[in-house]
Amino acid sequence: MSTSVIDMKRGVYRRIYSGATHGGRINQVGDGAERLFWRLHMICDDFGNCRADPVITKASAMPLVARATPKRIQAWLDELVAVGLILTYDAGGDAYVHIDGFEDSQPTG
C-alpha cells in the first residue's frame, strides 16, 4: 500500500466548506451570481483576488457559458458586492475583485 503526502503549499488549492450553502449572504443572490461566485474561487489568486473586468471574467471564469455575457457578469458582480460576498477595488487603473474571507478558509491561510 502506497502512502503519499500532499504538500498543501505547492500548487493551487481551494477549500470550500460544506456549511457555505447555509450562509445568509449566498442565499440572497440569484443562480447566476452564485455560479459566478464559486467560479471566482477557481480563478482567483492565493489571496482571493482576480480581475473584475466583465470581459476578462467571462473569458477566464465562464468561457463556455453562453448566457454569461459581459453585461450579465457585471450584474452578477454587482449582486455579489451588494450582499458583501465580494469587494471591488482599483489598482493601477484596473478593477479587481476580492472574495471576502477567502484567506481565512484556505489550508495555508
PDB file of N, CA and C in Angstrom:
ATOM      1  N   MET A   1       0.848  -1.165   0.000  1.00  0.00           N
ATOM      2  CA  MET A   1       0.000   0.000   0.000  1.00  0.00           C
ATOM      3  C   MET A   1       0.894   1.229   0.000  1.00  0.00           C
ATOM      4  N   SER A   2       0.580   2.167  -0.879  1.00  0.00           N
ATOM      5  CA  SER A   2       1.362   3.386  -1.006  1.00  0.00           C
ATOM      6  C   SER A   2       0.781   4.478  -0.112  1.00  0.00           C
ATOM      7  N   THR A   3       1.645   5.131   0.600  1.00  0.00           N
ATOM      8  CA  THR A   3       1.204   6.276   1.385  1.00  0.00           C
ATOM      9  C   THR A   3       1.901   7.498   0.826  1.00  0.00           C
ATOM     10  N   SER A   4       1.117   8.463   0.458  1.00  0.00           N
ATOM     11  CA  SER A   4       1.689   9.688  -0.085  1.00  0.00           C
ATOM     12  C   SER A   4       1.212  10.874   0.745  1.00  0.00           C
ATOM     13  N   VAL A   5       2.014  11.875   0.756  1.00  0.00           N
ATOM     14  CA  VAL A   5       1.693  13.090   1.495  1.00  0.00           C
ATOM     15  C   VAL A   5       1.479  14.205   0.487  1.00  0.00           C
ATOM     16  N   ILE A   6       0.407  14.916   0.642  1.00  0.00           N
ATOM     17  CA  ILE A   6       0.122  16.042  -0.237  1.00  0.00           C
ATOM     18  C   ILE A   6       0.670  17.300   0.421  1.00  0.00           C
ATOM     19  N   ASP A   7       1.555  17.970  -0.278  1.00  0.00           N
ATOM     20  CA  ASP A   7       2.117  19.229   0.215  1.00  0.00           C
ATOM     21  C   ASP A   7       1.145  20.340  -0.158  1.00  0.00           C
ATOM     22  N   MET A   8       0.401  20.842   0.803  1.00  0.00           N
ATOM     23  CA  MET A   8      -0.608  21.865   0.554  1.00  0.00           C
ATOM     24  C   MET A   8      -0.004  23.226   0.238  1.00  0.00           C
ATOM     25  N   LYS A   9       1.296  23.341   0.287  1.00  0.00           N
ATOM     26  CA  LYS A   9       1.937  24.609  -0.029  1.00  0.00           C
ATOM     27  C   LYS A   9       2.410  24.661  -1.478  1.00  0.00           C
ATOM     28  N   ARG A  10       2.272  23.565  -2.194  1.00  0.00           N
ATOM     29  CA  ARG A  10       2.659  23.516  -3.601  1.00  0.00           C
ATOM     30  C   ARG A  10       1.402  23.487  -4.459  1.00  0.00           C
ATOM     31  N   GLY A  11       1.410  24.242  -5.514  1.00  0.00           N
ATOM     32  CA  GLY A  11       0.281  24.225  -6.424  1.00  0.00           C
ATOM     33  C   GLY A  11      -0.869  25.087  -5.935  1.00  0.00           C
ATOM     34  N   VAL A  12      -1.968  24.988  -6.611  1.00  0.00           N
ATOM     35  CA  VAL A  12      -3.136  25.802  -6.294  1.00  0.00           C
ATOM     36  C   VAL A  12      -4.195  24.912  -5.655  1.00  0.00           C
ATOM     37  N   TYR A  13      -4.579  25.254  -4.458  1.00  0.00           N
ATOM     38  CA  TYR A  13      -5.608  24.507  -3.734  1.00  0.00           C
ATOM     39  C   TYR A  13      -6.674  25.479  -3.274  1.00  0.00           C
ATOM     40  N   ARG A  14      -7.903  25.062  -3.328  1.00  0.00           N
ATOM     41  CA  ARG A  14      -9.012  25.889  -2.872  1.00  0.00           C
ATOM     42  C   ARG A  14      -9.880  25.042  -1.958  1.00  0.00           C
ATOM     43  N   ARG A  15     -10.251  25.610  -0.830  1.00  0.00           N
ATOM     44  CA  ARG A  15     -11.122  24.903   0.100  1.00  0.00           C
ATOM     45  C   ARG A  15     -12.444  25.658   0.186  1.00  0.00           C
ATOM     46  N   ILE A  16     -13.511  24.913   0.014  1.00  0.00           N
ATOM     47  CA  ILE A  16     -14.861  25.451   0.173  1.00  0.00           C
ATOM     48  C   ILE A  16     -15.564  24.552   1.177  1.00  0.00           C
ATOM     49  N   TYR A  17     -16.119  25.138   2.208  1.00  0.00           N
ATOM     50  CA  TYR A  17     -16.731  24.361   3.280  1.00  0.00           C
ATOM     51  C   TYR A  17     -18.190  24.021   2.982  1.00  0.00           C
ATOM     52  N   SER A  18     -18.605  22.859   3.433  1.00  0.00           N
ATOM     53  CA  SER A  18     -19.969  22.401   3.174  1.00  0.00           C
ATOM     54  C   SER A  18     -21.008  23.336   3.780  1.00  0.00           C
ATOM     55  N   GLY A  19     -20.696  23.982   4.869  1.00  0.00           N
ATOM     56  CA  GLY A  19     -21.639  24.894   5.508  1.00  0.00           C
ATOM     57  C   GLY A  19     -21.918  26.146   4.706  1.00  0.00           C
ATOM     58  N   ALA A  20     -21.147  26.364   3.644  1.00  0.00           N
ATOM     59  CA  ALA A  20     -21.329  27.564   2.829  1.00  0.00           C
ATOM     60  C   ALA A  20     -22.719  27.638   2.210  1.00  0.00           C
ATOM     61  N   THR A  21     -23.349  26.502   1.996  1.00  0.00           N
ATOM     62  CA  THR A  21     -24.678  26.509   1.391  1.00  0.00           C
ATOM     63  C   THR A  21     -25.750  27.060   2.315  1.00  0.00           C
ATOM     64  N   HIS A  22     -25.436  27.167   3.597  1.00  0.00           N
ATOM     65  CA  HIS A  22     -26.404  27.675   4.567  1.00  0.00           C
ATOM     66  C   HIS A  22     -26.183  29.150   4.897  1.00  0.00           C
ATOM     67  N   GLY A  23     -25.193  29.768   4.255  1.00  0.00           N
ATOM     68  CA  GLY A  23     -24.869  31.161   4.543  1.00  0.00           C
ATOM     69  C   GLY A  23     -25.968  32.113   4.140  1.00  0.00           C
ATOM     70  N   GLY A  24     -26.173  33.115   4.964  1.00  0.00           N
ATOM     71  CA  GLY A  24     -27.206  34.108   4.676  1.00  0.00           C
ATOM     72  C   GLY A  24     -26.934  34.908   3.420  1.00  0.00           C
ATOM     73  N   ARG A  25     -25.671  35.259   3.194  1.00  0.00           N
ATOM     74  CA  ARG A  25     -25.343  36.087   2.027  1.00  0.00           C
ATOM     75  C   ARG A  25     -25.490  35.324   0.724  1.00  0.00           C
ATOM     76  N   ILE A  26     -24.993  34.097   0.660  1.00  0.00           N
ATOM     77  CA  ILE A  26     -25.042  33.343  -0.602  1.00  0.00           C
ATOM     78  C   ILE A  26     -26.485  33.032  -0.988  1.00  0.00           C
ATOM     79  N   ASN A  27     -27.358  32.923  -0.016  1.00  0.00           N
ATOM     80  CA  ASN A  27     -28.755  32.619  -0.303  1.00  0.00           C
ATOM     81  C   ASN A  27     -29.586  33.848  -0.655  1.00  0.00           C
ATOM     82  N   GLN A  28     -28.945  35.008  -0.686  1.00  0.00           N
ATOM     83  CA  GLN A  28     -29.629  36.233  -1.097  1.00  0.00           C
ATOM     84  C   GLN A  28     -29.432  36.549  -2.574  1.00  0.00           C
ATOM     85  N   VAL A  29     -28.534  35.823  -3.246  1.00  0.00           N
ATOM     86  CA  VAL A  29     -28.252  36.116  -4.649  1.00  0.00           C
ATOM     87  C   VAL A  29     -28.919  35.106  -5.563  1.00  0.00           C
ATOM     88  N   GLY A  30     -29.066  35.482  -6.806  1.00  0.00           N
ATOM     89  CA  GLY A  30     -29.668  34.590  -7.793  1.00  0.00           C
ATOM     90  C   GLY A  30     -28.701  33.504  -8.248  1.00  0.00           C
ATOM     91  N   ASP A  31     -29.224  32.603  -9.047  1.00  0.00           N
ATOM     92  CA  ASP A  31     -28.441  31.452  -9.514  1.00  0.00           C
ATOM     93  C   ASP A  31     -27.188  31.855 -10.292  1.00  0.00           C
ATOM     94  N   GLY A  32     -27.311  32.834 -11.174  1.00  0.00           N
ATOM     95  CA  GLY A  32     -26.167  33.259 -11.975  1.00  0.00           C
ATOM     96  C   GLY A  32     -25.058  33.844 -11.128  1.00  0.00           C
ATOM     97  N   ALA A  33     -25.431  34.693 -10.165  1.00  0.00           N
ATOM     98  CA  ALA A  33     -24.438  35.299  -9.277  1.00  0.00           C
ATOM     99  C   ALA A  33     -23.772  34.241  -8.406  1.00  0.00           C
ATOM    100  N   GLU A  34     -24.555  33.277  -7.936  1.00  0.00           N
ATOM    101  CA  GLU A  34     -23.964  32.220  -7.116  1.00  0.00           C
ATOM    102  C   GLU A  34     -22.990  31.382  -7.933  1.00  0.00           C
ATOM    103  N   ARG A  35     -23.370  31.055  -9.136  1.00  0.00           N
ATOM    104  CA  ARG A  35     -22.484  30.274 -10.017  1.00  0.00           C
ATOM    105  C   ARG A  35     -21.179  31.027 -10.257  1.00  0.00           C
ATOM    106  N   LEU A  36     -21.279  32.329 -10.519  1.00  0.00           N
ATOM    107  CA  LEU A  36     -20.084  33.134 -10.725  1.00  0.00           C
ATOM    108  C   LEU A  36     -19.229  33.170  -9.464  1.00  0.00           C
ATOM    109  N   PHE A  37     -19.852  33.274  -8.309  1.00  0.00           N
ATOM    110  CA  PHE A  37     -19.113  33.325  -7.043  1.00  0.00           C
ATOM    111  C   PHE A  37     -18.205  32.109  -6.884  1.00  0.00           C
ATOM    112  N   TRP A  38     -18.736  30.920  -7.140  1.00  0.00           N
ATOM    113  CA  TRP A  38     -17.920  29.712  -6.986  1.00  0.00           C
ATOM    114  C   TRP A  38     -16.846  29.641  -8.056  1.00  0.00           C
ATOM    115  N   ARG A  39     -17.129  30.130  -9.237  1.00  0.00           N
ATOM    116  CA  ARG A  39     -16.112  30.140 -10.289  1.00  0.00           C
ATOM    117  C   ARG A  39     -15.016  31.169  -9.998  1.00  0.00           C
ATOM    118  N   LEU A  40     -15.347  32.241  -9.320  1.00  0.00           N
ATOM    119  CA  LEU A  40     -14.315  33.195  -8.918  1.00  0.00           C
ATOM    120  C   LEU A  40     -13.297  32.518  -8.006  1.00  0.00           C
ATOM    121  N   HIS A  41     -13.748  31.586  -7.174  1.00  0.00           N
ATOM    122  CA  HIS A  41     -12.823  30.825  -6.320  1.00  0.00           C
ATOM    123  C   HIS A  41     -11.800  30.057  -7.161  1.00  0.00           C
ATOM    124  N   MET A  42     -12.201  29.619  -8.327  1.00  0.00           N
ATOM    125  CA  MET A  42     -11.312  28.834  -9.181  1.00  0.00           C
ATOM    126  C   MET A  42     -10.279  29.680  -9.912  1.00  0.00           C
ATOM    127  N   ILE A  43     -10.595  30.943 -10.172  1.00  0.00           N
ATOM    128  CA  ILE A  43      -9.682  31.772 -10.957  1.00  0.00           C
ATOM    129  C   ILE A  43      -8.907  32.797 -10.135  1.00  0.00           C
ATOM    130  N   CYS A  44      -9.256  32.952  -8.878  1.00  0.00           N
ATOM    131  CA  CYS A  44      -8.578  33.973  -8.077  1.00  0.00           C
ATOM    132  C   CYS A  44      -7.174  33.531  -7.680  1.00  0.00           C
ATOM    133  N   ASP A  45      -6.378  34.490  -7.242  1.00  0.00           N
ATOM    134  CA  ASP A  45      -5.031  34.158  -6.789  1.00  0.00           C
ATOM    135  C   ASP A  45      -5.084  33.602  -5.366  1.00  0.00           C
ATOM    136  N   ASP A  46      -3.934  33.378  -4.775  1.00  0.00           N
ATOM    137  CA  ASP A  46      -3.865  32.766  -3.446  1.00  0.00           C
ATOM    138  C   ASP A  46      -4.401  33.657  -2.331  1.00  0.00           C
ATOM    139  N   PHE A  47      -4.743  34.883  -2.652  1.00  0.00           N
ATOM    140  CA  PHE A  47      -5.261  35.810  -1.657  1.00  0.00           C
ATOM    141  C   PHE A  47      -6.729  36.146  -1.891  1.00  0.00           C
ATOM    142  N   GLY A  48      -7.345  35.503  -2.901  1.00  0.00           N
ATOM    143  CA  GLY A  48      -8.763  35.722  -3.177  1.00  0.00           C
ATOM    144  C   GLY A  48      -9.040  36.899  -4.078  1.00  0.00           C
ATOM    145  N   ASN A  49      -8.064  37.276  -4.915  1.00  0.00           N
ATOM    146  CA  ASN A  49      -8.210  38.428  -5.804  1.00  0.00           C
ATOM    147  C   ASN A  49      -8.179  38.001  -7.261  1.00  0.00           C
ATOM    148  N   CYS A  50      -8.955  38.688  -8.079  1.00  0.00           N
ATOM    149  CA  CYS A  50      -8.919  38.467  -9.525  1.00  0.00           C
ATOM    150  C   CYS A  50      -9.465  39.714 -10.212  1.00  0.00           C
ATOM    151  N   ARG A  51      -9.302  39.770 -11.502  1.00  0.00           N
ATOM    152  CA  ARG A  51      -9.776  40.925 -12.265  1.00  0.00           C
ATOM    153  C   ARG A  51     -11.295  40.988 -12.236  1.00  0.00           C
ATOM    154  N   ALA A  52     -11.810  42.214 -12.221  1.00  0.00           N
ATOM    155  CA  ALA A  52     -13.255  42.415 -12.174  1.00  0.00           C
ATOM    156  C   ALA A  52     -13.835  42.844 -13.514  1.00  0.00           C
ATOM    157  N   ASP A  53     -12.995  43.038 -14.502  1.00  0.00           N
ATOM    158  CA  ASP A  53     -13.487  43.417 -15.822  1.00  0.00           C
ATOM    159  C   ASP A  53     -14.389  42.290 -16.332  1.00  0.00           C
ATOM    160  N   PRO A  54     -15.641  42.604 -16.687  1.00  0.00           N
ATOM    161  CA  PRO A  54     -16.571  41.537 -17.073  1.00  0.00           C
ATOM    162  C   PRO A  54     -16.149  40.746 -18.312  1.00  0.00           C
ATOM    163  N   VAL A  55     -15.417  41.364 -19.230  1.00  0.00           N
ATOM    164  CA  VAL A  55     -14.952  40.642 -20.416  1.00  0.00           C
ATOM    165  C   VAL A  55     -13.874  39.632 -20.020  1.00  0.00           C
ATOM    166  N   ILE A  56     -12.942  40.060 -19.164  1.00  0.00           N
ATOM    167  CA  ILE A  56     -11.884  39.168 -18.690  1.00  0.00           C
ATOM    168  C   ILE A  56     -12.479  38.065 -17.811  1.00  0.00           C
ATOM    169  N   THR A  57     -13.428  38.432 -16.957  1.00  0.00           N
ATOM    170  CA  THR A  57     -14.072  37.450 -16.093  1.00  0.00           C
ATOM    171  C   THR A  57     -14.821  36.413 -16.922  1.00  0.00           C
ATOM    172  N   LYS A  58     -15.492  36.844 -17.962  1.00  0.00           N
ATOM    173  CA  LYS A  58     -16.184  35.918 -18.876  1.00  0.00           C
ATOM    174  C   LYS A  58     -15.182  34.932 -19.463  1.00  0.00           C
ATOM    175  N   ALA A  59     -14.058  35.451 -19.962  1.00  0.00           N
ATOM    176  CA  ALA A  59     -13.064  34.606 -20.627  1.00  0.00           C
ATOM    177  C   ALA A  59     -12.395  33.620 -19.676  1.00  0.00           C
ATOM    178  N   SER A  60     -12.189  34.028 -18.443  1.00  0.00           N
ATOM    179  CA  SER A  60     -11.468  33.151 -17.523  1.00  0.00           C
ATOM    180  C   SER A  60     -12.372  32.285 -16.652  1.00  0.00           C
ATOM    181  N   ALA A  61     -13.528  32.797 -16.245  1.00  0.00           N
ATOM    182  CA  ALA A  61     -14.390  32.058 -15.317  1.00  0.00           C
ATOM    183  C   ALA A  61     -15.524  31.309 -15.994  1.00  0.00           C
ATOM    184  N   MET A  62     -16.032  31.825 -17.102  1.00  0.00           N
ATOM    185  CA  MET A  62     -17.217  31.229 -17.723  1.00  0.00           C
ATOM    186  C   MET A  62     -17.098  31.212 -19.249  1.00  0.00           C
ATOM    187  N   PRO A  63     -15.992  30.702 -19.786  1.00  0.00           N
ATOM    188  CA  PRO A  63     -15.780  30.797 -21.234  1.00  0.00           C
ATOM    189  C   PRO A  63     -16.796  30.039 -22.081  1.00  0.00           C
ATOM    190  N   LEU A  64     -17.379  28.988 -21.572  1.00  0.00           N
ATOM    191  CA  LEU A  64     -18.305  28.174 -22.358  1.00  0.00           C
ATOM    192  C   LEU A  64     -19.767  28.356 -21.962  1.00  0.00           C
ATOM    193  N   VAL A  65     -20.038  29.312 -21.087  1.00  0.00           N
ATOM    194  CA  VAL A  65     -21.411  29.563 -20.639  1.00  0.00           C
ATOM    195  C   VAL A  65     -22.001  30.659 -21.521  1.00  0.00           C
ATOM    196  N   ALA A  66     -22.832  30.270 -22.473  1.00  0.00           N
ATOM    197  CA  ALA A  66     -23.352  31.198 -23.477  1.00  0.00           C
ATOM    198  C   ALA A  66     -24.124  32.367 -22.869  1.00  0.00           C
ATOM    199  N   ARG A  67     -24.907  32.102 -21.840  1.00  0.00           N
ATOM    200  CA  ARG A  67     -25.725  33.179 -21.269  1.00  0.00           C
ATOM    201  C   ARG A  67     -24.934  34.118 -20.372  1.00  0.00           C
ATOM    202  N   ALA A  68     -23.677  33.802 -20.112  1.00  0.00           N
ATOM    203  CA  ALA A  68     -22.835  34.645 -19.266  1.00  0.00           C
ATOM    204  C   ALA A  68     -22.178  35.739 -20.111  1.00  0.00           C
ATOM    205  N   THR A  69     -22.981  36.688 -20.535  1.00  0.00           N
ATOM    206  CA  THR A  69     -22.463  37.811 -21.309  1.00  0.00           C
ATOM    207  C   THR A  69     -21.749  38.776 -20.363  1.00  0.00           C
ATOM    208  N   PRO A  70     -20.863  39.617 -20.877  1.00  0.00           N
ATOM    209  CA  PRO A  70     -20.223  40.608 -20.006  1.00  0.00           C
ATOM    210  C   PRO A  70     -21.237  41.481 -19.239  1.00  0.00           C
ATOM    211  N   LYS A  71     -22.342  41.819 -19.887  1.00  0.00           N
ATOM    212  CA  LYS A  71     -23.377  42.619 -19.218  1.00  0.00           C
ATOM    213  C   LYS A  71     -23.970  41.857 -18.027  1.00  0.00           C
ATOM    214  N   ARG A  72     -24.257  40.572 -18.200  1.00  0.00           N
ATOM    215  CA  ARG A  72     -24.792  39.757 -17.107  1.00  0.00           C
ATOM    216  C   ARG A  72     -23.744  39.546 -16.014  1.00  0.00           C
ATOM    217  N   ILE A  73     -22.503  39.325 -16.425  1.00  0.00           N
ATOM    218  CA  ILE A  73     -21.443  39.134 -15.441  1.00  0.00           C
ATOM    219  C   ILE A  73     -21.303  40.384 -14.579  1.00  0.00           C
ATOM    220  N   GLN A  74     -21.382  41.560 -15.182  1.00  0.00           N
ATOM    221  CA  GLN A  74     -21.314  42.786 -14.392  1.00  0.00           C
ATOM    222  C   GLN A  74     -22.474  42.863 -13.407  1.00  0.00           C
ATOM    223  N   ALA A  75     -23.659  42.492 -13.849  1.00  0.00           N
ATOM    224  CA  ALA A  75     -24.827  42.493 -12.960  1.00  0.00           C
ATOM    225  C   ALA A  75     -24.632  41.498 -11.820  1.00  0.00           C
ATOM    226  N   TRP A  76     -24.067  40.322 -12.111  1.00  0.00           N
ATOM    227  CA  TRP A  76     -23.815  39.319 -11.069  1.00  0.00           C
ATOM    228  C   TRP A  76     -22.745  39.804 -10.093  1.00  0.00           C
ATOM    229  N   LEU A  77     -21.701  40.443 -10.610  1.00  0.00           N
ATOM    230  CA  LEU A  77     -20.679  41.011  -9.721  1.00  0.00           C
ATOM    231  C   LEU A  77     -21.302  42.054  -8.797  1.00  0.00           C
ATOM    232  N   ASP A  78     -22.159  42.912  -9.358  1.00  0.00           N
ATOM    233  CA  ASP A  78     -22.847  43.924  -8.547  1.00  0.00           C
ATOM    234  C   ASP A  78     -23.712  43.281  -7.468  1.00  0.00           C
ATOM    235  N   GLU A  79     -24.351  42.186  -7.817  1.00  0.00           N
ATOM    236  CA  GLU A  79     -25.191  41.447  -6.872  1.00  0.00           C
ATOM    237  C   GLU A  79     -24.346  40.886  -5.724  1.00  0.00           C
ATOM    238  N   LEU A  80     -23.182  40.342  -6.053  1.00  0.00           N
ATOM    239  CA  LEU A  80     -22.281  39.786  -5.038  1.00  0.00           C
ATOM    240  C   LEU A  80     -21.709  40.872  -4.142  1.00  0.00           C
ATOM    241  N   VAL A  81     -21.426  42.038  -4.709  1.00  0.00           N
ATOM    242  CA  VAL A  81     -20.956  43.177  -3.912  1.00  0.00           C
ATOM    243  C   VAL A  81     -22.056  43.635  -2.960  1.00  0.00           C
ATOM    244  N   ALA A  82     -23.285  43.693  -3.459  1.00  0.00           N
ATOM    245  CA  ALA A  82     -24.410  44.195  -2.659  1.00  0.00           C
ATOM    246  C   ALA A  82     -24.633  43.395  -1.380  1.00  0.00           C
ATOM    247  N   VAL A  83     -24.340  42.089  -1.395  1.00  0.00           N
ATOM    248  CA  VAL A  83     -24.535  41.266  -0.199  1.00  0.00           C
ATOM    249  C   VAL A  83     -23.244  41.059   0.584  1.00  0.00           C
ATOM    250  N   GLY A  84     -22.133  41.617   0.089  1.00  0.00           N
ATOM    251  CA  GLY A  84     -20.870  41.542   0.815  1.00  0.00           C
ATOM    252  C   GLY A  84     -20.063  40.277   0.620  1.00  0.00           C
ATOM    253  N   LEU A  85     -20.374  39.489  -0.412  1.00  0.00           N
ATOM    254  CA  LEU A  85     -19.576  38.292  -0.682  1.00  0.00           C
ATOM    255  C   LEU A  85     -18.247  38.633  -1.334  1.00  0.00           C
ATOM    256  N   ILE A  86     -18.247  39.694  -2.120  1.00  0.00           N
ATOM    257  CA  ILE A  86     -17.011  40.172  -2.725  1.00  0.00           C
ATOM    258  C   ILE A  86     -16.900  41.677  -2.518  1.00  0.00           C
ATOM    259  N   LEU A  87     -15.693  42.148  -2.616  1.00  0.00           N
ATOM    260  CA  LEU A  87     -15.408  43.577  -2.590  1.00  0.00           C
ATOM    261  C   LEU A  87     -14.735  43.902  -3.913  1.00  0.00           C
ATOM    262  N   THR A  88     -14.880  45.117  -4.381  1.00  0.00           N
ATOM    263  CA  THR A  88     -14.158  45.523  -5.579  1.00  0.00           C
ATOM    264  C   THR A  88     -13.226  46.662  -5.211  1.00  0.00           C
ATOM    265  N   TYR A  89     -12.112  46.732  -5.923  1.00  0.00           N
ATOM    266  CA  TYR A  89     -11.153  47.812  -5.690  1.00  0.00           C
ATOM    267  C   TYR A  89     -10.401  48.085  -6.979  1.00  0.00           C
ATOM    268  N   ASP A  90      -9.718  49.221  -7.010  1.00  0.00           N
ATOM    269  CA  ASP A  90      -8.973  49.643  -8.176  1.00  0.00           C
ATOM    270  C   ASP A  90      -7.485  49.613  -7.855  1.00  0.00           C
ATOM    271  N   ALA A  91      -6.696  49.097  -8.780  1.00  0.00           N
ATOM    272  CA  ALA A  91      -5.243  49.096  -8.632  1.00  0.00           C
ATOM    273  C   ALA A  91      -4.631  49.392  -9.994  1.00  0.00           C
ATOM    274  N   GLY A  92      -3.953  50.496 -10.083  1.00  0.00           N
ATOM    275  CA  GLY A  92      -3.311  50.861 -11.341  1.00  0.00           C
ATOM    276  C   GLY A  92      -4.275  51.086 -12.484  1.00  0.00           C
ATOM    277  N   GLY A  93      -5.481  51.513 -12.178  1.00  0.00           N
ATOM    278  CA  GLY A  93      -6.470  51.766 -13.213  1.00  0.00           C
ATOM    279  C   GLY A  93      -7.283  50.551 -13.622  1.00  0.00           C
ATOM    280  N   ASP A  94      -7.000  49.399 -13.030  1.00  0.00           N
ATOM    281  CA  ASP A  94      -7.763  48.184 -13.330  1.00  0.00           C
ATOM    282  C   ASP A  94      -8.643  47.815 -12.144  1.00  0.00           C
ATOM    283  N   ALA A  95      -9.836  47.298 -12.439  1.00  0.00           N
ATOM    284  CA  ALA A  95     -10.772  46.887 -11.391  1.00  0.00           C
ATOM    285  C   ALA A  95     -10.487  45.446 -10.990  1.00  0.00           C
ATOM    286  N   TYR A  96     -10.542  45.206  -9.681  1.00  0.00           N
ATOM    287  CA  TYR A  96     -10.301  43.871  -9.132  1.00  0.00           C
ATOM    288  C   TYR A  96     -11.410  43.482  -8.171  1.00  0.00           C
ATOM    289  N   VAL A  97     -11.532  42.172  -7.968  1.00  0.00           N
ATOM    290  CA  VAL A  97     -12.467  41.582  -7.012  1.00  0.00           C
ATOM    291  C   VAL A  97     -11.651  40.967  -5.889  1.00  0.00           C
ATOM    292  N   HIS A  98     -12.155  41.078  -4.676  1.00  0.00           N
ATOM    293  CA  HIS A  98     -11.596  40.335  -3.542  1.00  0.00           C
ATOM    294  C   HIS A  98     -12.735  39.546  -2.913  1.00  0.00           C
ATOM    295  N   ILE A  99     -12.553  38.241  -2.764  1.00  0.00           N
ATOM    296  CA  ILE A  99     -13.568  37.396  -2.128  1.00  0.00           C
ATOM    297  C   ILE A  99     -13.437  37.574  -0.627  1.00  0.00           C
ATOM    298  N   ASP A 100     -14.493  38.054  -0.001  1.00  0.00           N
ATOM    299  CA  ASP A 100     -14.479  38.328   1.433  1.00  0.00           C
ATOM    300  C   ASP A 100     -14.209  37.051   2.229  1.00  0.00           C
ATOM    301  N   GLY A 101     -13.208  37.084   3.098  1.00  0.00           N
ATOM    302  CA  GLY A 101     -12.885  35.953   3.959  1.00  0.00           C
ATOM    303  C   GLY A 101     -12.160  34.815   3.277  1.00  0.00           C
ATOM    304  N   PHE A 102     -11.712  35.013   2.046  1.00  0.00           N
ATOM    305  CA  PHE A 102     -11.098  33.930   1.277  1.00  0.00           C
ATOM    306  C   PHE A 102      -9.895  33.311   1.998  1.00  0.00           C
ATOM    307  N   GLU A 103      -8.950  34.127   2.402  1.00  0.00           N
ATOM    308  CA  GLU A 103      -7.728  33.604   3.005  1.00  0.00           C
ATOM    309  C   GLU A 103      -7.977  32.822   4.282  1.00  0.00           C
ATOM    310  N   ASP A 104      -8.962  33.245   5.053  1.00  0.00           N
ATOM    311  CA  ASP A 104      -9.267  32.582   6.314  1.00  0.00           C
ATOM    312  C   ASP A 104      -9.711  31.136   6.129  1.00  0.00           C
ATOM    313  N   SER A 105     -10.279  30.829   4.976  1.00  0.00           N
ATOM    314  CA  SER A 105     -10.817  29.478   4.771  1.00  0.00           C
ATOM    315  C   SER A 105      -9.869  28.550   4.008  1.00  0.00           C
ATOM    316  N   GLN A 106      -8.676  29.016   3.688  1.00  0.00           N
ATOM    317  CA  GLN A 106      -7.748  28.200   2.907  1.00  0.00           C
ATOM    318  C   GLN A 106      -6.787  27.418   3.778  1.00  0.00           C
ATOM    319  N   PRO A 107      -6.322  26.263   3.309  1.00  0.00           N
ATOM    320  CA  PRO A 107      -5.460  25.393   4.118  1.00  0.00           C
ATOM    321  C   PRO A 107      -4.173  26.065   4.576  1.00  0.00           C
ATOM    322  N   THR A 108      -3.596  26.899   3.740  1.00  0.00           N
ATOM    323  CA  THR A 108      -2.337  27.547   4.115  1.00  0.00           C
ATOM    324  C   THR A 108      -2.574  28.927   4.703  1.00  0.00           C
ATOM    325  N   GLY A 109      -3.859  29.335   4.809  1.00  0.00           N
ATOM    326  CA  GLY A 109      -4.254  30.672   5.179  1.00  0.00           C
ATOM    327  C   GLY A 109      -3.902  31.101   6.535  1.00  0.00           C
TER     328      GLY A 109
END
